[in-house]
N, C-alpha and C. Protein backbone atom coordinates (compact mmCIF):
# COMPACT_ATOMS: atom_id res chain seq x y z
N UNK A 1 -137.13 1.01 111.46
CA UNK A 1 -135.91 1.05 111.86
C UNK A 1 -135.02 1.85 110.88
N UNK A 2 -134.01 2.26 111.59
CA UNK A 2 -132.89 3.04 111.00
C UNK A 2 -132.55 2.65 109.55
N UNK A 3 -132.33 1.30 109.12
CA UNK A 3 -131.65 0.53 108.00
C UNK A 3 -132.99 0.89 106.94
N UNK A 4 -134.00 1.00 107.24
CA UNK A 4 -135.17 1.69 106.30
C UNK A 4 -135.31 2.91 105.92
N UNK A 5 -134.84 3.79 106.88
CA UNK A 5 -134.71 5.34 106.86
C UNK A 5 -133.39 5.41 105.61
N UNK A 6 -132.17 4.77 106.15
CA UNK A 6 -131.19 4.97 105.28
C UNK A 6 -131.32 4.69 103.98
N UNK A 7 -131.83 3.38 103.99
CA UNK A 7 -132.09 2.62 102.36
C UNK A 7 -132.94 3.54 101.78
N UNK A 8 -133.96 4.56 102.22
CA UNK A 8 -134.83 5.20 101.33
C UNK A 8 -134.58 6.24 100.16
N UNK A 9 -135.26 5.96 99.10
CA UNK A 9 -134.75 6.85 98.01
C UNK A 9 -134.56 8.37 98.57
N UNK A 10 -134.83 8.97 99.68
CA UNK A 10 -134.78 10.62 99.69
C UNK A 10 -133.58 10.85 100.12
N UNK A 11 -132.94 10.82 99.07
CA UNK A 11 -131.31 11.30 98.90
C UNK A 11 -131.34 12.39 97.80
N UNK A 12 -130.28 13.48 98.18
CA UNK A 12 -129.84 14.03 97.19
C UNK A 12 -128.50 13.97 96.60
N UNK A 13 -128.44 14.07 95.20
CA UNK A 13 -126.97 13.48 94.86
C UNK A 13 -125.83 14.67 94.83
N UNK A 14 -124.90 14.67 95.39
CA UNK A 14 -124.11 16.00 95.77
C UNK A 14 -123.43 15.15 94.90
N UNK A 15 -122.41 16.45 93.54
CA UNK A 15 -120.95 16.17 93.25
C UNK A 15 -120.18 16.71 94.12
N UNK A 16 -118.71 16.08 94.47
CA UNK A 16 -118.05 16.88 94.95
C UNK A 16 -117.06 18.10 94.42
N UNK A 17 -116.83 17.79 93.14
CA UNK A 17 -116.10 18.99 92.19
C UNK A 17 -117.66 20.09 92.19
N UNK A 18 -118.68 19.79 92.10
CA UNK A 18 -119.66 20.61 92.00
C UNK A 18 -119.56 21.63 93.49
N UNK A 19 -119.29 20.77 94.42
CA UNK A 19 -119.35 21.26 96.04
C UNK A 19 -118.24 22.40 96.04
N UNK A 20 -116.99 21.72 95.32
CA UNK A 20 -115.77 22.66 95.62
C UNK A 20 -116.25 24.06 94.57
N UNK A 21 -116.51 24.03 93.53
CA UNK A 21 -116.60 25.10 92.88
C UNK A 21 -117.66 26.15 93.09
N UNK A 22 -118.85 25.46 93.30
CA UNK A 22 -119.99 26.59 93.84
C UNK A 22 -120.30 26.90 95.33
N UNK A 23 -120.03 25.66 96.29
CA UNK A 23 -120.14 25.46 97.58
C UNK A 23 -121.39 24.35 97.83
N UNK A 24 -121.33 23.91 99.09
CA UNK A 24 -122.18 22.96 99.68
C UNK A 24 -123.91 23.16 99.38
N UNK A 25 -124.16 24.28 100.09
CA UNK A 25 -125.27 24.64 100.05
C UNK A 25 -125.91 24.85 98.54
N UNK A 26 -125.17 25.29 97.65
CA UNK A 26 -125.34 25.62 96.33
C UNK A 26 -125.63 24.20 95.61
N UNK A 27 -124.69 23.54 95.99
CA UNK A 27 -124.40 21.95 95.48
C UNK A 27 -125.82 21.36 95.67
N UNK A 28 -126.41 21.38 97.28
CA UNK A 28 -127.55 20.94 97.70
C UNK A 28 -129.02 21.21 96.84
N UNK A 29 -128.89 22.72 96.38
CA UNK A 29 -130.12 22.96 95.72
C UNK A 29 -130.20 22.31 94.24
N UNK A 30 -128.94 22.85 93.67
CA UNK A 30 -128.55 22.23 92.13
C UNK A 30 -128.78 20.92 92.35
N UNK A 31 -128.25 20.08 93.24
CA UNK A 31 -128.92 18.59 93.08
C UNK A 31 -130.25 17.97 93.30
N UNK A 32 -130.78 19.16 93.74
CA UNK A 32 -132.26 18.67 94.38
C UNK A 32 -133.32 19.01 93.20
N UNK A 33 -132.83 20.43 92.23
CA UNK A 33 -133.38 20.66 91.10
C UNK A 33 -133.09 19.92 90.18
N UNK A 34 -131.84 19.26 89.83
CA UNK A 34 -131.46 18.30 88.86
C UNK A 34 -132.44 17.13 88.92
N UNK A 35 -132.60 16.63 90.41
CA UNK A 35 -133.69 15.43 90.65
C UNK A 35 -135.00 15.93 90.23
N UNK A 36 -135.79 16.60 90.76
CA UNK A 36 -136.87 16.97 90.02
C UNK A 36 -137.21 17.52 88.59
N UNK A 37 -136.10 17.89 88.04
CA UNK A 37 -135.96 17.71 86.27
C UNK A 37 -136.14 16.42 85.62
N UNK A 38 -135.68 15.34 86.74
CA UNK A 38 -135.48 14.15 85.89
C UNK A 38 -136.62 13.42 86.28
N UNK A 39 -137.26 13.75 87.58
CA UNK A 39 -138.58 13.04 87.68
C UNK A 39 -139.66 13.66 86.49
N UNK A 40 -139.46 14.73 86.20
CA UNK A 40 -140.70 15.58 85.35
C UNK A 40 -140.72 14.96 84.07
N UNK A 41 -139.36 15.05 83.75
CA UNK A 41 -138.83 14.60 82.55
C UNK A 41 -139.22 12.73 81.79
N UNK A 42 -139.21 12.14 83.00
CA UNK A 42 -139.38 10.76 83.10
C UNK A 42 -140.95 10.55 82.79
N UNK A 43 -141.64 11.58 83.42
CA UNK A 43 -143.09 11.73 83.38
C UNK A 43 -143.42 12.12 82.42
N UNK A 44 -142.90 12.66 81.11
CA UNK A 44 -142.81 13.44 80.11
C UNK A 44 -144.15 14.73 80.43
N UNK A 45 -143.62 15.14 81.75
CA UNK A 45 -144.45 16.39 81.86
C UNK A 45 -143.52 17.65 82.00
N UNK A 46 -142.58 17.90 81.26
CA UNK A 46 -141.82 19.14 81.09
C UNK A 46 -142.53 20.07 80.37
N UNK A 47 -142.74 21.45 80.44
CA UNK A 47 -143.56 21.97 80.06
C UNK A 47 -142.24 23.08 78.93
N UNK A 48 -142.30 23.09 77.84
CA UNK A 48 -141.18 23.63 77.00
C UNK A 48 -139.77 23.17 77.52
N UNK A 49 -139.63 21.83 78.30
CA UNK A 49 -138.27 21.65 79.16
C UNK A 49 -137.98 22.34 80.33
N UNK A 50 -139.22 22.95 80.80
CA UNK A 50 -138.87 23.33 82.14
C UNK A 50 -140.24 22.83 83.19
N UNK A 51 -140.11 22.65 84.39
CA UNK A 51 -140.80 22.54 85.26
C UNK A 51 -140.89 23.89 86.54
N UNK A 52 -142.09 23.51 87.77
CA UNK A 52 -142.09 24.50 88.46
C UNK A 52 -141.68 23.38 89.77
N UNK A 53 -141.41 24.58 90.62
CA UNK A 53 -141.05 23.60 92.05
C UNK A 53 -141.50 24.73 93.04
N UNK A 54 -142.37 24.80 93.90
CA UNK A 54 -142.88 25.39 95.03
C UNK A 54 -141.71 25.73 95.93
N UNK A 55 -141.60 27.00 96.62
CA UNK A 55 -140.49 27.20 97.90
C UNK A 55 -140.84 26.13 98.63
N UNK A 56 -141.77 26.02 99.37
CA UNK A 56 -142.31 24.81 100.16
C UNK A 56 -141.75 23.38 99.82
N UNK A 57 -141.90 23.22 98.53
CA UNK A 57 -141.36 21.81 97.98
C UNK A 57 -139.72 22.15 98.41
N UNK A 58 -139.03 23.08 97.92
CA UNK A 58 -137.50 22.77 98.02
C UNK A 58 -136.82 23.21 99.22
N UNK A 59 -138.06 23.96 100.32
CA UNK A 59 -137.67 23.94 101.71
C UNK A 59 -137.88 22.05 102.26
N UNK A 60 -138.81 21.64 102.33
CA UNK A 60 -138.95 20.45 102.70
C UNK A 60 -137.77 19.51 102.45
N UNK A 61 -137.88 19.46 101.00
CA UNK A 61 -136.80 18.67 100.37
C UNK A 61 -135.33 18.90 100.68
N UNK A 62 -134.90 20.01 101.06
CA UNK A 62 -133.63 20.36 101.18
C UNK A 62 -133.30 20.93 102.60
N UNK A 63 -134.28 21.20 103.25
CA UNK A 63 -134.20 21.83 104.44
C UNK A 63 -133.30 23.43 104.53
N UNK A 64 -133.39 24.15 103.12
CA UNK A 64 -132.83 25.36 103.29
C UNK A 64 -133.65 26.15 103.05
N UNK A 65 -134.09 27.40 104.07
CA UNK A 65 -134.65 28.17 104.45
C UNK A 65 -134.88 29.09 103.58
N UNK A 66 -136.01 30.06 103.21
CA UNK A 66 -135.95 31.15 102.42
C UNK A 66 -134.67 32.13 102.44
N UNK A 67 -134.13 32.34 103.40
CA UNK A 67 -132.77 33.27 103.38
C UNK A 67 -131.96 32.46 102.31
N UNK A 68 -131.53 31.19 102.88
CA UNK A 68 -130.63 30.25 102.03
C UNK A 68 -130.81 30.05 100.52
N UNK A 69 -132.19 30.01 100.25
CA UNK A 69 -132.66 29.74 98.93
C UNK A 69 -132.35 31.09 98.12
N UNK A 70 -132.86 32.19 98.77
CA UNK A 70 -132.68 33.68 97.74
C UNK A 70 -131.17 33.54 97.38
N UNK A 71 -130.12 33.57 98.53
CA UNK A 71 -128.70 33.91 98.24
C UNK A 71 -128.11 32.26 97.37
N UNK A 72 -128.29 31.52 97.51
CA UNK A 72 -128.08 30.44 96.51
C UNK A 72 -128.78 30.34 95.13
N UNK A 73 -129.98 30.92 94.88
CA UNK A 73 -130.45 30.99 93.67
C UNK A 73 -129.45 32.21 92.83
N UNK A 74 -129.26 33.03 93.92
CA UNK A 74 -128.22 34.43 93.04
C UNK A 74 -126.99 33.44 92.89
N UNK A 75 -126.33 32.75 93.50
CA UNK A 75 -125.28 32.19 93.05
C UNK A 75 -125.10 31.06 91.98
N UNK A 76 -126.16 30.55 91.86
CA UNK A 76 -126.63 29.50 91.02
C UNK A 76 -126.58 30.45 89.30
N UNK A 77 -127.38 31.35 89.78
CA UNK A 77 -127.83 32.31 88.65
C UNK A 77 -126.28 32.91 87.96
N UNK A 78 -125.89 33.25 88.54
CA UNK A 78 -124.50 34.11 88.54
C UNK A 78 -123.36 32.44 87.68
N UNK A 79 -123.39 31.59 88.40
CA UNK A 79 -122.67 30.33 87.48
C UNK A 79 -123.24 29.89 86.16
N UNK A 80 -124.31 30.09 86.06
CA UNK A 80 -124.54 29.95 84.88
C UNK A 80 -124.87 30.50 83.91
N UNK A 81 -124.54 32.13 84.22
CA UNK A 81 -124.54 32.97 83.16
C UNK A 81 -123.12 33.26 82.62
N UNK A 82 -122.33 33.12 83.77
CA UNK A 82 -120.83 33.62 83.65
C UNK A 82 -120.18 31.99 82.95
N UNK A 83 -120.64 30.89 83.11
CA UNK A 83 -120.32 29.59 82.79
C UNK A 83 -120.82 29.31 81.20
N UNK A 84 -121.86 30.17 80.76
CA UNK A 84 -122.53 29.58 79.59
C UNK A 84 -122.01 30.11 78.15
């Protein structure tokens, strides 16, 4: 049923403020990475505060292909460097 699909936990949280600052696709990637971080943190499986996510996993979870991910990763890295 459509209601079951929409009520599923398969969502990526997006901040409107973040979308305005870094862009929609960048916010999607960042939101997914934040969700994964929380998942691994709750399981107490972070390694020195970090986790690993495969390209395949990111593509499956966000629908962002390899070209998007490479460009978005550079954009996110740029923002993290200049805003730290």
